Amino acid sequence: MEARQIATRWGNTVRIGRRIAVRGSILTAVAGLLIGLCAPAATANPNARNIRYGDSGTAVRCVQLALNMYFEETRRYGHSLEVDSVFGANTLKEVKYFQDLNGLDADGVVGPRTGNYLDNEISDSVLFSFCRSYIPTLR
């Protein structure tokens, strides 16, 4: 096999792998969020604290899920996150990328302005409705 053929096959494998990873992370999150489906729908929370590098927990998981949903819907397959509830370097990079795409200050902090944009991503999804109370918003 020529190097060019190998590179083409490898490129196709990487693209397919990324799509599977994004869809897989969303599907994996379904199991973890089933409890949220049984709870009443949450509303946006202007009192939620900012989410930033070094944080961990449900709020970070919700940010990661919302970002993955956004990247999937906008076909940015090279931008997906492992949903691990830890706001590490990869989450920081993708939050800044999301902020930049939406004309926000790319500071990497999920505050009320970034939260409003993320809330728009999850507000139509019954699956993620419980996340709304964890993401800071202006409303």
N, C-alpha and C. Protein backbone atom coordinates (compact mmCIF):
# COMPACT_ATOMS: atom_id res chain seq x y z
N MET A 1 0.83 -1.17 0.00
CA MET A 1 0.00 0.00 0.00
C MET A 1 0.89 1.25 0.00
N GLU A 2 0.54 2.22 -0.81
CA GLU A 2 1.31 3.45 -0.87
C GLU A 2 1.04 4.32 0.35
N ALA A 3 1.99 5.19 0.63
CA ALA A 3 1.86 6.09 1.78
C ALA A 3 0.61 6.96 1.66
N ARG A 4 0.31 7.38 0.42
CA ARG A 4 -0.86 8.23 0.20
C ARG A 4 -2.15 7.50 0.54
N GLN A 5 -2.24 6.23 0.15
CA GLN A 5 -3.43 5.44 0.46
C GLN A 5 -3.57 5.22 1.96
N ILE A 6 -2.44 4.97 2.61
CA ILE A 6 -2.47 4.77 4.05
C ILE A 6 -2.93 6.05 4.74
N ALA A 7 -2.39 7.21 4.33
CA ALA A 7 -2.77 8.49 4.92
C ALA A 7 -4.25 8.76 4.72
N THR A 8 -4.77 8.47 3.53
CA THR A 8 -6.19 8.69 3.25
C THR A 8 -7.04 7.80 4.14
N ARG A 9 -6.68 6.54 4.24
CA ARG A 9 -7.45 5.64 5.10
C ARG A 9 -7.37 6.08 6.55
N TRP A 10 -6.19 6.49 7.00
CA TRP A 10 -6.03 6.95 8.38
C TRP A 10 -6.88 8.19 8.61
N GLY A 11 -6.89 9.13 7.67
CA GLY A 11 -7.71 10.34 7.79
C GLY A 11 -9.18 10.01 7.90
N ASN A 12 -9.65 9.08 7.07
CA ASN A 12 -11.05 8.67 7.14
C ASN A 12 -11.35 8.00 8.48
N THR A 13 -10.43 7.19 8.95
CA THR A 13 -10.61 6.51 10.24
C THR A 13 -10.70 7.53 11.37
N VAL A 14 -9.86 8.56 11.34
CA VAL A 14 -9.88 9.58 12.39
C VAL A 14 -11.20 10.34 12.36
N ARG A 15 -11.68 10.73 11.16
CA ARG A 15 -12.94 11.44 11.06
C ARG A 15 -14.09 10.59 11.59
N ILE A 16 -14.13 9.35 11.20
CA ILE A 16 -15.19 8.45 11.67
C ILE A 16 -15.08 8.25 13.16
N GLY A 17 -13.87 8.08 13.65
CA GLY A 17 -13.65 7.91 15.09
C GLY A 17 -14.13 9.11 15.89
N ARG A 18 -13.90 10.31 15.37
CA ARG A 18 -14.35 11.52 16.07
C ARG A 18 -15.86 11.57 16.12
N ARG A 19 -16.53 11.24 15.01
CA ARG A 19 -17.99 11.24 15.01
C ARG A 19 -18.53 10.24 16.01
N ILE A 20 -17.93 9.08 16.03
CA ILE A 20 -18.37 8.05 16.98
C ILE A 20 -18.12 8.52 18.40
N ALA A 21 -16.97 9.16 18.64
CA ALA A 21 -16.65 9.64 19.99
C ALA A 21 -17.67 10.66 20.47
N VAL A 22 -18.05 11.60 19.59
CA VAL A 22 -19.03 12.62 19.96
C VAL A 22 -20.37 11.96 20.26
N ARG A 23 -20.83 11.13 19.35
CA ARG A 23 -22.11 10.47 19.56
C ARG A 23 -22.05 9.54 20.76
N GLY A 24 -20.91 8.87 20.91
CA GLY A 24 -20.75 7.96 22.04
C GLY A 24 -20.79 8.70 23.37
N SER A 25 -20.15 9.88 23.41
CA SER A 25 -20.16 10.63 24.67
C SER A 25 -21.55 11.11 25.01
N ILE A 26 -22.32 11.49 23.99
CA ILE A 26 -23.69 11.92 24.24
C ILE A 26 -24.53 10.74 24.70
N LEU A 27 -24.37 9.59 24.05
CA LEU A 27 -25.14 8.42 24.44
C LEU A 27 -24.73 7.92 25.82
N THR A 28 -23.44 7.99 26.13
CA THR A 28 -22.97 7.58 27.45
C THR A 28 -23.57 8.48 28.52
N ALA A 29 -23.69 9.74 28.20
CA ALA A 29 -24.26 10.69 29.16
C ALA A 29 -25.73 10.39 29.44
N VAL A 30 -26.42 9.78 28.50
CA VAL A 30 -27.84 9.46 28.69
C VAL A 30 -28.03 8.64 29.96
N ALA A 31 -27.20 7.65 30.14
CA ALA A 31 -27.32 6.80 31.33
C ALA A 31 -27.15 7.62 32.60
N GLY A 32 -26.20 8.53 32.59
CA GLY A 32 -25.96 9.35 33.78
C GLY A 32 -27.02 10.40 34.02
N LEU A 33 -27.78 10.73 32.99
CA LEU A 33 -28.77 11.80 33.12
C LEU A 33 -30.20 11.30 33.28
N LEU A 34 -30.39 10.00 33.28
CA LEU A 34 -31.74 9.47 33.38
C LEU A 34 -32.45 9.94 34.64
N ILE A 35 -31.73 10.12 35.70
CA ILE A 35 -32.34 10.63 36.93
C ILE A 35 -32.91 12.02 36.68
N GLY A 36 -32.22 12.80 35.88
CA GLY A 36 -32.69 14.14 35.56
C GLY A 36 -33.99 14.13 34.79
N LEU A 37 -34.24 13.10 34.01
CA LEU A 37 -35.49 13.01 33.27
C LEU A 37 -36.68 12.82 34.20
N CYS A 38 -36.46 12.19 35.33
CA CYS A 38 -37.54 11.94 36.27
C CYS A 38 -37.83 13.18 37.13
N ALA A 39 -36.86 14.07 37.21
CA ALA A 39 -37.03 15.27 38.02
C ALA A 39 -37.79 16.32 37.22
N PRO A 40 -38.41 17.27 37.91
CA PRO A 40 -39.08 18.34 37.18
C PRO A 40 -38.07 19.16 36.37
N ALA A 41 -38.53 19.75 35.29
CA ALA A 41 -37.65 20.53 34.43
C ALA A 41 -37.09 21.71 35.20
N ALA A 42 -35.80 21.93 35.07
CA ALA A 42 -35.15 23.05 35.74
C ALA A 42 -35.24 24.30 34.89
N THR A 43 -35.12 25.43 35.53
CA THR A 43 -35.12 26.68 34.80
C THR A 43 -33.71 27.25 34.82
N ALA A 44 -33.47 28.23 33.95
CA ALA A 44 -32.17 28.88 33.91
C ALA A 44 -31.90 29.50 35.28
N ASN A 45 -30.64 29.59 35.63
CA ASN A 45 -30.28 30.01 36.99
C ASN A 45 -29.30 31.18 36.98
N PRO A 46 -29.81 32.40 37.18
CA PRO A 46 -28.89 33.55 37.23
C PRO A 46 -28.01 33.55 38.49
N ASN A 47 -28.31 32.69 39.45
CA ASN A 47 -27.52 32.63 40.69
C ASN A 47 -26.48 31.52 40.70
N ALA A 48 -26.41 30.74 39.63
CA ALA A 48 -25.39 29.68 39.56
C ALA A 48 -24.02 30.34 39.49
N ARG A 49 -23.05 29.71 40.13
CA ARG A 49 -21.71 30.30 40.13
C ARG A 49 -21.00 30.05 38.79
N ASN A 50 -20.03 30.88 38.49
CA ASN A 50 -19.24 30.71 37.27
C ASN A 50 -18.52 29.37 37.31
N ILE A 51 -18.31 28.81 36.12
CA ILE A 51 -17.64 27.52 36.00
C ILE A 51 -16.32 27.78 35.28
N ARG A 52 -15.23 27.31 35.87
CA ARG A 52 -13.91 27.65 35.32
C ARG A 52 -12.92 26.50 35.48
N TYR A 53 -11.75 26.72 34.88
CA TYR A 53 -10.66 25.76 34.93
C TYR A 53 -10.40 25.32 36.37
N GLY A 54 -10.29 24.00 36.57
CA GLY A 54 -10.04 23.45 37.89
C GLY A 54 -11.29 22.95 38.59
N ASP A 55 -12.48 23.40 38.12
CA ASP A 55 -13.73 22.94 38.73
C ASP A 55 -14.01 21.50 38.31
N SER A 56 -14.89 20.86 39.06
CA SER A 56 -15.34 19.52 38.71
C SER A 56 -16.76 19.34 39.23
N GLY A 57 -17.46 18.36 38.69
CA GLY A 57 -18.81 18.06 39.17
C GLY A 57 -19.86 18.18 38.08
N THR A 58 -21.10 18.22 38.53
CA THR A 58 -22.24 18.20 37.62
C THR A 58 -22.27 19.42 36.70
N ALA A 59 -21.93 20.59 37.22
CA ALA A 59 -21.95 21.80 36.39
C ALA A 59 -20.98 21.65 35.21
N VAL A 60 -19.80 21.12 35.47
CA VAL A 60 -18.81 20.93 34.41
C VAL A 60 -19.32 19.88 33.42
N ARG A 61 -19.90 18.81 33.93
CA ARG A 61 -20.47 17.78 33.04
C ARG A 61 -21.52 18.40 32.12
N CYS A 62 -22.35 19.25 32.66
CA CYS A 62 -23.39 19.90 31.85
C CYS A 62 -22.78 20.79 30.77
N VAL A 63 -21.73 21.53 31.12
CA VAL A 63 -21.04 22.36 30.13
C VAL A 63 -20.46 21.47 29.03
N GLN A 64 -19.81 20.39 29.40
CA GLN A 64 -19.22 19.48 28.41
C GLN A 64 -20.29 18.88 27.50
N LEU A 65 -21.41 18.50 28.06
CA LEU A 65 -22.50 17.94 27.26
C LEU A 65 -23.07 18.98 26.30
N ALA A 66 -23.28 20.20 26.80
CA ALA A 66 -23.82 21.26 25.95
C ALA A 66 -22.85 21.60 24.82
N LEU A 67 -21.56 21.66 25.13
CA LEU A 67 -20.57 21.93 24.08
C LEU A 67 -20.56 20.81 23.04
N ASN A 68 -20.59 19.56 23.49
CA ASN A 68 -20.61 18.45 22.54
C ASN A 68 -21.85 18.50 21.66
N MET A 69 -22.98 18.86 22.25
CA MET A 69 -24.21 18.99 21.48
C MET A 69 -24.06 20.09 20.42
N TYR A 70 -23.49 21.21 20.83
CA TYR A 70 -23.26 22.32 19.90
C TYR A 70 -22.32 21.91 18.77
N PHE A 71 -21.21 21.27 19.13
CA PHE A 71 -20.23 20.86 18.11
C PHE A 71 -20.82 19.83 17.16
N GLU A 72 -21.65 18.95 17.66
CA GLU A 72 -22.30 17.94 16.81
C GLU A 72 -23.29 18.61 15.85
N GLU A 73 -24.11 19.51 16.38
CA GLU A 73 -25.13 20.17 15.56
C GLU A 73 -24.52 21.10 14.52
N THR A 74 -23.37 21.68 14.82
CA THR A 74 -22.73 22.59 13.86
C THR A 74 -21.65 21.89 13.04
N ARG A 75 -21.57 20.57 13.18
CA ARG A 75 -20.66 19.73 12.40
C ARG A 75 -19.19 20.11 12.58
N ARG A 76 -18.85 20.44 13.79
CA ARG A 76 -17.44 20.70 14.13
C ARG A 76 -16.90 19.46 14.82
N TYR A 77 -16.73 18.40 14.01
CA TYR A 77 -16.38 17.09 14.55
C TYR A 77 -15.00 17.04 15.19
N GLY A 78 -14.13 17.93 14.84
CA GLY A 78 -12.81 17.95 15.45
C GLY A 78 -12.82 18.52 16.85
N HIS A 79 -13.99 19.01 17.27
CA HIS A 79 -14.11 19.64 18.59
C HIS A 79 -15.13 18.87 19.40
N SER A 80 -14.63 17.94 20.17
CA SER A 80 -15.51 17.20 21.07
C SER A 80 -14.76 16.96 22.37
N LEU A 81 -15.51 16.79 23.41
CA LEU A 81 -14.92 16.64 24.74
C LEU A 81 -15.26 15.29 25.34
N GLU A 82 -14.33 14.76 26.09
CA GLU A 82 -14.64 13.61 26.93
C GLU A 82 -15.47 14.17 28.09
N VAL A 83 -16.62 13.57 28.31
CA VAL A 83 -17.49 14.03 29.39
C VAL A 83 -17.04 13.34 30.67
N ASP A 84 -16.16 14.04 31.40
CA ASP A 84 -15.57 13.45 32.60
C ASP A 84 -15.81 14.30 33.85
N SER A 85 -16.57 15.36 33.72
CA SER A 85 -16.91 16.26 34.83
C SER A 85 -15.72 17.02 35.40
N VAL A 86 -14.63 17.09 34.66
CA VAL A 86 -13.43 17.81 35.11
C VAL A 86 -13.12 18.93 34.11
N PHE A 87 -13.04 20.16 34.60
CA PHE A 87 -12.74 21.31 33.74
C PHE A 87 -11.22 21.41 33.65
N GLY A 88 -10.68 20.65 32.72
CA GLY A 88 -9.24 20.63 32.51
C GLY A 88 -8.85 21.41 31.27
N ALA A 89 -7.67 21.14 30.76
CA ALA A 89 -7.12 21.88 29.62
C ALA A 89 -7.98 21.74 28.37
N ASN A 90 -8.50 20.54 28.09
CA ASN A 90 -9.32 20.35 26.89
C ASN A 90 -10.64 21.11 26.98
N THR A 91 -11.27 21.06 28.15
CA THR A 91 -12.52 21.80 28.32
C THR A 91 -12.26 23.29 28.20
N LEU A 92 -11.18 23.77 28.78
CA LEU A 92 -10.81 25.19 28.67
C LEU A 92 -10.65 25.59 27.22
N LYS A 93 -9.94 24.78 26.45
CA LYS A 93 -9.71 25.07 25.04
C LYS A 93 -11.03 25.14 24.27
N GLU A 94 -11.93 24.21 24.53
CA GLU A 94 -13.20 24.16 23.79
C GLU A 94 -14.16 25.26 24.25
N VAL A 95 -14.12 25.63 25.51
CA VAL A 95 -14.95 26.75 25.98
C VAL A 95 -14.49 28.03 25.28
N LYS A 96 -13.18 28.24 25.22
CA LYS A 96 -12.65 29.43 24.54
C LYS A 96 -13.02 29.43 23.06
N TYR A 97 -12.95 28.26 22.43
CA TYR A 97 -13.33 28.13 21.02
C TYR A 97 -14.81 28.49 20.84
N PHE A 98 -15.67 27.96 21.69
CA PHE A 98 -17.10 28.25 21.66
C PHE A 98 -17.34 29.75 21.84
N GLN A 99 -16.67 30.34 22.82
CA GLN A 99 -16.82 31.77 23.07
C GLN A 99 -16.41 32.59 21.86
N ASP A 100 -15.29 32.23 21.26
CA ASP A 100 -14.79 32.94 20.08
C ASP A 100 -15.79 32.84 18.92
N LEU A 101 -16.32 31.64 18.69
CA LEU A 101 -17.29 31.44 17.61
C LEU A 101 -18.55 32.30 17.79
N ASN A 102 -18.89 32.56 19.04
CA ASN A 102 -20.12 33.29 19.34
C ASN A 102 -19.90 34.76 19.67
N GLY A 103 -18.69 35.26 19.40
CA GLY A 103 -18.40 36.68 19.59
C GLY A 103 -18.31 37.11 21.05
N LEU A 104 -18.01 36.16 21.91
CA LEU A 104 -17.87 36.47 23.34
C LEU A 104 -16.40 36.65 23.69
N ASP A 105 -16.14 37.26 24.84
CA ASP A 105 -14.76 37.33 25.32
C ASP A 105 -14.29 35.91 25.58
N ALA A 106 -13.23 35.50 24.91
CA ALA A 106 -12.73 34.12 25.03
C ALA A 106 -11.81 34.01 26.25
N ASP A 107 -12.43 34.09 27.44
CA ASP A 107 -11.65 34.02 28.68
C ASP A 107 -11.65 32.62 29.29
N GLY A 108 -12.47 31.72 28.74
CA GLY A 108 -12.50 30.35 29.24
C GLY A 108 -13.36 30.14 30.46
N VAL A 109 -14.03 31.19 30.93
CA VAL A 109 -14.91 31.08 32.09
C VAL A 109 -16.34 31.02 31.60
N VAL A 110 -17.10 30.05 32.10
CA VAL A 110 -18.52 29.96 31.76
C VAL A 110 -19.27 30.79 32.80
N GLY A 111 -19.47 32.05 32.44
CA GLY A 111 -20.24 32.98 33.27
C GLY A 111 -21.60 33.17 32.66
N PRO A 112 -22.33 34.20 33.09
CA PRO A 112 -23.70 34.40 32.61
C PRO A 112 -23.83 34.61 31.09
N ARG A 113 -22.90 35.33 30.47
CA ARG A 113 -23.02 35.55 29.02
C ARG A 113 -22.80 34.26 28.25
N THR A 114 -21.73 33.54 28.57
CA THR A 114 -21.47 32.25 27.92
C THR A 114 -22.59 31.28 28.28
N GLY A 115 -23.04 31.34 29.53
CA GLY A 115 -24.14 30.48 29.97
C GLY A 115 -25.40 30.67 29.16
N ASN A 116 -25.71 31.92 28.78
CA ASN A 116 -26.89 32.16 27.95
C ASN A 116 -26.78 31.44 26.61
N TYR A 117 -25.61 31.48 26.01
CA TYR A 117 -25.40 30.80 24.74
C TYR A 117 -25.50 29.29 24.90
N LEU A 118 -24.92 28.76 25.97
CA LEU A 118 -25.02 27.32 26.23
C LEU A 118 -26.46 26.92 26.55
N ASP A 119 -27.16 27.78 27.28
CA ASP A 119 -28.54 27.51 27.62
C ASP A 119 -29.39 27.39 26.36
N ASN A 120 -29.08 28.20 25.38
CA ASN A 120 -29.80 28.09 24.10
C ASN A 120 -29.58 26.72 23.47
N GLU A 121 -28.40 26.15 23.68
CA GLU A 121 -28.10 24.83 23.12
C GLU A 121 -28.88 23.72 23.82
N ILE A 122 -29.08 23.85 25.11
CA ILE A 122 -29.71 22.76 25.86
C ILE A 122 -31.19 22.99 26.12
N SER A 123 -31.69 24.20 25.88
CA SER A 123 -33.06 24.51 26.26
C SER A 123 -34.10 23.71 25.48
N ASP A 124 -33.78 23.29 24.26
CA ASP A 124 -34.73 22.51 23.47
C ASP A 124 -34.65 21.02 23.74
N SER A 125 -33.75 20.61 24.58
CA SER A 125 -33.53 19.19 24.81
C SER A 125 -34.10 18.77 26.16
N VAL A 126 -35.05 17.87 26.13
CA VAL A 126 -35.61 17.33 27.37
C VAL A 126 -34.52 16.64 28.17
N LEU A 127 -33.63 15.95 27.45
CA LEU A 127 -32.56 15.21 28.10
C LEU A 127 -31.71 16.08 29.00
N PHE A 128 -31.42 17.30 28.57
CA PHE A 128 -30.52 18.17 29.32
C PHE A 128 -31.24 19.23 30.14
N SER A 129 -32.56 19.12 30.26
CA SER A 129 -33.29 20.18 30.94
C SER A 129 -32.83 20.37 32.38
N PHE A 130 -32.42 19.30 33.05
CA PHE A 130 -31.99 19.45 34.43
C PHE A 130 -30.66 20.20 34.53
N CYS A 131 -29.88 20.26 33.45
CA CYS A 131 -28.59 20.97 33.47
C CYS A 131 -28.78 22.47 33.58
N ARG A 132 -29.92 22.96 33.20
CA ARG A 132 -30.13 24.41 33.17
C ARG A 132 -29.88 25.06 34.52
N SER A 133 -30.14 24.37 35.59
CA SER A 133 -29.96 24.99 36.91
C SER A 133 -28.49 25.08 37.32
N TYR A 134 -27.61 24.39 36.61
CA TYR A 134 -26.18 24.40 36.95
C TYR A 134 -25.37 25.41 36.16
N ILE A 135 -25.92 25.92 35.07
CA ILE A 135 -25.18 26.83 34.19
C ILE A 135 -25.62 28.27 34.47
N PRO A 136 -24.68 29.16 34.78
CA PRO A 136 -25.06 30.55 35.08
C PRO A 136 -25.61 31.26 33.83
N THR A 137 -26.64 32.06 34.04
CA THR A 137 -27.24 32.81 32.93
C THR A 137 -27.58 34.21 33.42
N LEU A 138 -27.95 35.07 32.48
CA LEU A 138 -28.36 36.43 32.81
C LEU A 138 -29.83 36.51 33.18
N ARG A 139 -30.61 35.49 32.76
CA ARG A 139 -32.07 35.56 32.98
C ARG A 139 -32.50 34.68 34.11
